[in-house]
Amino acid sequence: MITVTEAAAERIRAALAASDDPELALRAAARRGDDGSIEYAIGLDERRERDTEIACGDITLLVSPPSLELVADLVIDFGEVEPGQSAFLFYRAADLPGAAPTGCGCGKGGCT
């Protein structure tokens, strides 16, 4: 399950609306570093043959096979990282204190 918070969903919708290509969707990617940590990234991209498409409300997430296991349980948020500086934030739902997202739909829990 992937969770997209409402704050992140708003920013994603704005980026999709500003795009000149209506075929673009949001790609979520991940890779494991040499130290075992996971690095996440998102961006607008075209669909590829082997992608898994994950519907999250009105947002479609594209995930390639190598990233699929790594993005399981991912939370995509958007918030202030420093005063005056906002960014997309990535974390695992299991890492949240006492949190287990429920439901489905962006901003209301997970997307499967």
C-alpha atoms as a PDB file:
ATOM      1  CA  MET A   1       0.000   0.000   0.000  1.00  0.00           C
ATOM      2  CA  ILE A   2       1.211   3.496  -0.837  1.00  0.00           C
ATOM      3  CA  THR A   3      -0.190   6.498   1.001  1.00  0.00           C
ATOM      4  CA  VAL A   4      -0.299   9.964  -0.557  1.00  0.00           C
ATOM      5  CA  THR A   5      -1.256  12.679   1.905  1.00  0.00           C
ATOM      6  CA  GLU A   6      -3.639  15.410   0.848  1.00  0.00           C
ATOM      7  CA  ALA A   7      -0.798  17.978   0.969  1.00  0.00           C
ATOM      8  CA  ALA A   8       1.229  15.877  -1.485  1.00  0.00           C
ATOM      9  CA  ALA A   9      -1.817  15.140  -3.646  1.00  0.00           C
ATOM     10  CA  GLU A  10      -2.503  18.872  -4.050  1.00  0.00           C
ATOM     11  CA  ARG A  11       1.064  19.514  -5.272  1.00  0.00           C
ATOM     12  CA  ILE A  12       0.952  16.504  -7.602  1.00  0.00           C
ATOM     13  CA  ARG A  13      -2.380  17.610  -9.101  1.00  0.00           C
ATOM     14  CA  ALA A  14      -0.936  21.090  -9.688  1.00  0.00           C
ATOM     15  CA  ALA A  15       2.128  19.648 -11.455  1.00  0.00           C
ATOM     16  CA  LEU A  16      -0.034  17.403 -13.633  1.00  0.00           C
ATOM     17  CA  ALA A  17      -2.324  20.326 -14.514  1.00  0.00           C
ATOM     18  CA  ALA A  18       0.678  22.480 -15.484  1.00  0.00           C
ATOM     19  CA  SER A  19       2.060  19.750 -17.753  1.00  0.00           C
ATOM     20  CA  ASP A  20       1.624  20.040 -21.520  1.00  0.00           C
ATOM     21  CA  ASP A  21       1.256  16.251 -21.809  1.00  0.00           C
ATOM     22  CA  PRO A  22      -2.043  14.795 -20.558  1.00  0.00           C
ATOM     23  CA  GLU A  23      -0.588  11.264 -20.786  1.00  0.00           C
ATOM     24  CA  LEU A  24       1.917  11.860 -17.979  1.00  0.00           C
ATOM     25  CA  ALA A  25       1.481  10.245 -14.586  1.00  0.00           C
ATOM     26  CA  LEU A  26       3.452  10.317 -11.364  1.00  0.00           C
ATOM     27  CA  ARG A  27       6.321   7.836 -11.179  1.00  0.00           C
ATOM     28  CA  ALA A  28       7.468   6.645  -7.766  1.00  0.00           C
ATOM     29  CA  ALA A  29      10.926   5.084  -7.739  1.00  0.00           C
ATOM     30  CA  ALA A  30      13.226   3.691  -5.085  1.00  0.00           C
ATOM     31  CA  ARG A  31      16.654   2.144  -4.823  1.00  0.00           C
ATOM     32  CA  ARG A  32      18.603   0.635  -1.992  1.00  0.00           C
ATOM     33  CA  GLY A  33      21.929   2.263  -1.157  1.00  0.00           C
ATOM     34  CA  ASP A  34      25.110   0.405  -0.296  1.00  0.00           C
ATOM     35  CA  ASP A  35      24.403   1.068   3.382  1.00  0.00           C
ATOM     36  CA  GLY A  36      20.927  -0.504   3.148  1.00  0.00           C
ATOM     37  CA  SER A  37      19.034   2.780   3.208  1.00  0.00           C
ATOM     38  CA  ILE A  38      16.332   3.402   0.619  1.00  0.00           C
ATOM     39  CA  GLU A  39      16.343   6.504  -1.580  1.00  0.00           C
ATOM     40  CA  TYR A  40      12.988   7.616  -2.994  1.00  0.00           C
ATOM     41  CA  ALA A  41      12.120   9.870  -5.894  1.00  0.00           C
ATOM     42  CA  ILE A  42       8.994  10.969  -7.726  1.00  0.00           C
ATOM     43  CA  GLY A  43       8.450  12.780 -10.987  1.00  0.00           C
ATOM     44  CA  LEU A  44       6.133  13.059 -13.944  1.00  0.00           C
ATOM     45  CA  ASP A  45       6.786  10.372 -16.544  1.00  0.00           C
ATOM     46  CA  GLU A  46       5.260   8.362 -19.363  1.00  0.00           C
ATOM     47  CA  ARG A  47       3.876   4.882 -18.848  1.00  0.00           C
ATOM     48  CA  ARG A  48       6.158   1.970 -19.710  1.00  0.00           C
ATOM     49  CA  GLU A  49       5.172  -1.538 -20.688  1.00  0.00           C
ATOM     50  CA  ARG A  50       6.254  -3.264 -17.451  1.00  0.00           C
ATOM     51  CA  ASP A  51       4.999  -0.580 -15.039  1.00  0.00           C
ATOM     52  CA  THR A  52       2.546  -1.338 -12.298  1.00  0.00           C
ATOM     53  CA  GLU A  53      -0.124   1.356 -12.138  1.00  0.00           C
ATOM     54  CA  ILE A  54      -1.481   2.169  -8.703  1.00  0.00           C
ATOM     55  CA  ALA A  55      -4.683   4.212  -8.579  1.00  0.00           C
ATOM     56  CA  CYS A  56      -4.782   6.707  -5.754  1.00  0.00           C
ATOM     57  CA  GLY A  57      -7.955   8.703  -6.079  1.00  0.00           C
ATOM     58  CA  ASP A  58      -7.503  10.842  -9.184  1.00  0.00           C
ATOM     59  CA  ILE A  59      -3.721  10.286  -9.234  1.00  0.00           C
ATOM     60  CA  THR A  60      -2.080   7.346 -10.986  1.00  0.00           C
ATOM     61  CA  LEU A  61       1.273   6.218  -9.617  1.00  0.00           C
ATOM     62  CA  LEU A  62       3.645   4.360 -11.945  1.00  0.00           C
ATOM     63  CA  VAL A  63       6.131   1.945 -10.415  1.00  0.00           C
ATOM     64  CA  SER A  64       8.707  -0.085 -12.342  1.00  0.00           C
ATOM     65  CA  PRO A  65       9.374  -3.706 -11.297  1.00  0.00           C
ATOM     66  CA  PRO A  66      12.718  -2.995  -9.525  1.00  0.00           C
ATOM     67  CA  SER A  67      11.058  -0.363  -7.293  1.00  0.00           C
ATOM     68  CA  LEU A  68       7.835  -2.192  -6.522  1.00  0.00           C
ATOM     69  CA  GLU A  69       8.937  -3.986  -3.348  1.00  0.00           C
ATOM     70  CA  LEU A  70      10.822  -0.932  -2.069  1.00  0.00           C
ATOM     71  CA  VAL A  71       7.825   1.425  -2.342  1.00  0.00           C
ATOM     72  CA  ALA A  72       5.470  -0.914  -0.494  1.00  0.00           C
ATOM     73  CA  ASP A  73       4.251   0.835   2.650  1.00  0.00           C
ATOM     74  CA  LEU A  74       5.569   4.202   1.363  1.00  0.00           C
ATOM     75  CA  VAL A  75       4.041   7.480   2.541  1.00  0.00           C
ATOM     76  CA  ILE A  76       4.443  10.466   0.209  1.00  0.00           C
ATOM     77  CA  ASP A  77       3.886  13.767   1.979  1.00  0.00           C
ATOM     78  CA  PHE A  78       4.619  17.430   1.286  1.00  0.00           C
ATOM     79  CA  GLY A  79       5.639  19.818   4.013  1.00  0.00           C
ATOM     80  CA  GLU A  80       8.040  22.360   5.370  1.00  0.00           C
ATOM     81  CA  VAL A  81      11.539  20.971   5.905  1.00  0.00           C
ATOM     82  CA  GLU A  82      13.008  24.289   7.056  1.00  0.00           C
ATOM     83  CA  PRO A  83      11.365  27.657   7.595  1.00  0.00           C
ATOM     84  CA  GLY A  84      10.267  28.844   4.157  1.00  0.00           C
ATOM     85  CA  GLN A  85      11.411  25.659   2.398  1.00  0.00           C
ATOM     86  CA  SER A  86       8.943  22.907   1.469  1.00  0.00           C
ATOM     87  CA  ALA A  87       9.566  19.586  -0.249  1.00  0.00           C
ATOM     88  CA  PHE A  88       8.130  16.148  -0.857  1.00  0.00           C
ATOM     89  CA  LEU A  89       8.835  13.856   2.087  1.00  0.00           C
ATOM     90  CA  PHE A  90       9.091  10.064   1.951  1.00  0.00           C
ATOM     91  CA  TYR A  91       8.818   7.643   4.826  1.00  0.00           C
ATOM     92  CA  ARG A  92       7.549   4.172   5.584  1.00  0.00           C
ATOM     93  CA  ALA A  93       4.150   3.910   7.243  1.00  0.00           C
ATOM     94  CA  ALA A  94       5.610   1.323   9.623  1.00  0.00           C
ATOM     95  CA  ASP A  95       8.068   3.955  10.875  1.00  0.00           C
ATOM     96  CA  LEU A  96       5.287   6.263  12.072  1.00  0.00           C
ATOM     97  CA  PRO A  97       4.631   6.071  15.809  1.00  0.00           C
ATOM     98  CA  GLY A  98       1.484   3.977  16.267  1.00  0.00           C
ATOM     99  CA  ALA A  99       0.407   4.607  12.697  1.00  0.00           C
ATOM    100  CA  ALA A 100      -1.090   2.179  10.275  1.00  0.00           C
ATOM    101  CA  PRO A 101      -2.828   3.999   7.413  1.00  0.00           C
ATOM    102  CA  THR A 102      -6.345   2.854   6.742  1.00  0.00           C
ATOM    103  CA  GLY A 103      -8.844   3.441   4.020  1.00  0.00           C
ATOM    104  CA  CYS A 104      -8.054   4.238   0.412  1.00  0.00           C
ATOM    105  CA  GLY A 105      -7.696   7.403  -1.598  1.00  0.00           C
ATOM    106  CA  CYS A 106      -5.235  10.226  -1.546  1.00  0.00           C
ATOM    107  CA  GLY A 107      -5.270  12.134   1.675  1.00  0.00           C
ATOM    108  CA  LYS A 108      -7.463   9.511   3.308  1.00  0.00           C
ATOM    109  CA  GLY A 109      -5.040   6.672   3.713  1.00  0.00           C
ATOM    110  CA  GLY A 110      -3.445   4.195   1.380  1.00  0.00           C
ATOM    111  CA  CYS A 111      -3.678   3.505  -2.295  1.00  0.00           C
ATOM    112  CA  THR A 112      -3.462  -0.020  -3.619  1.00  0.00           C
END
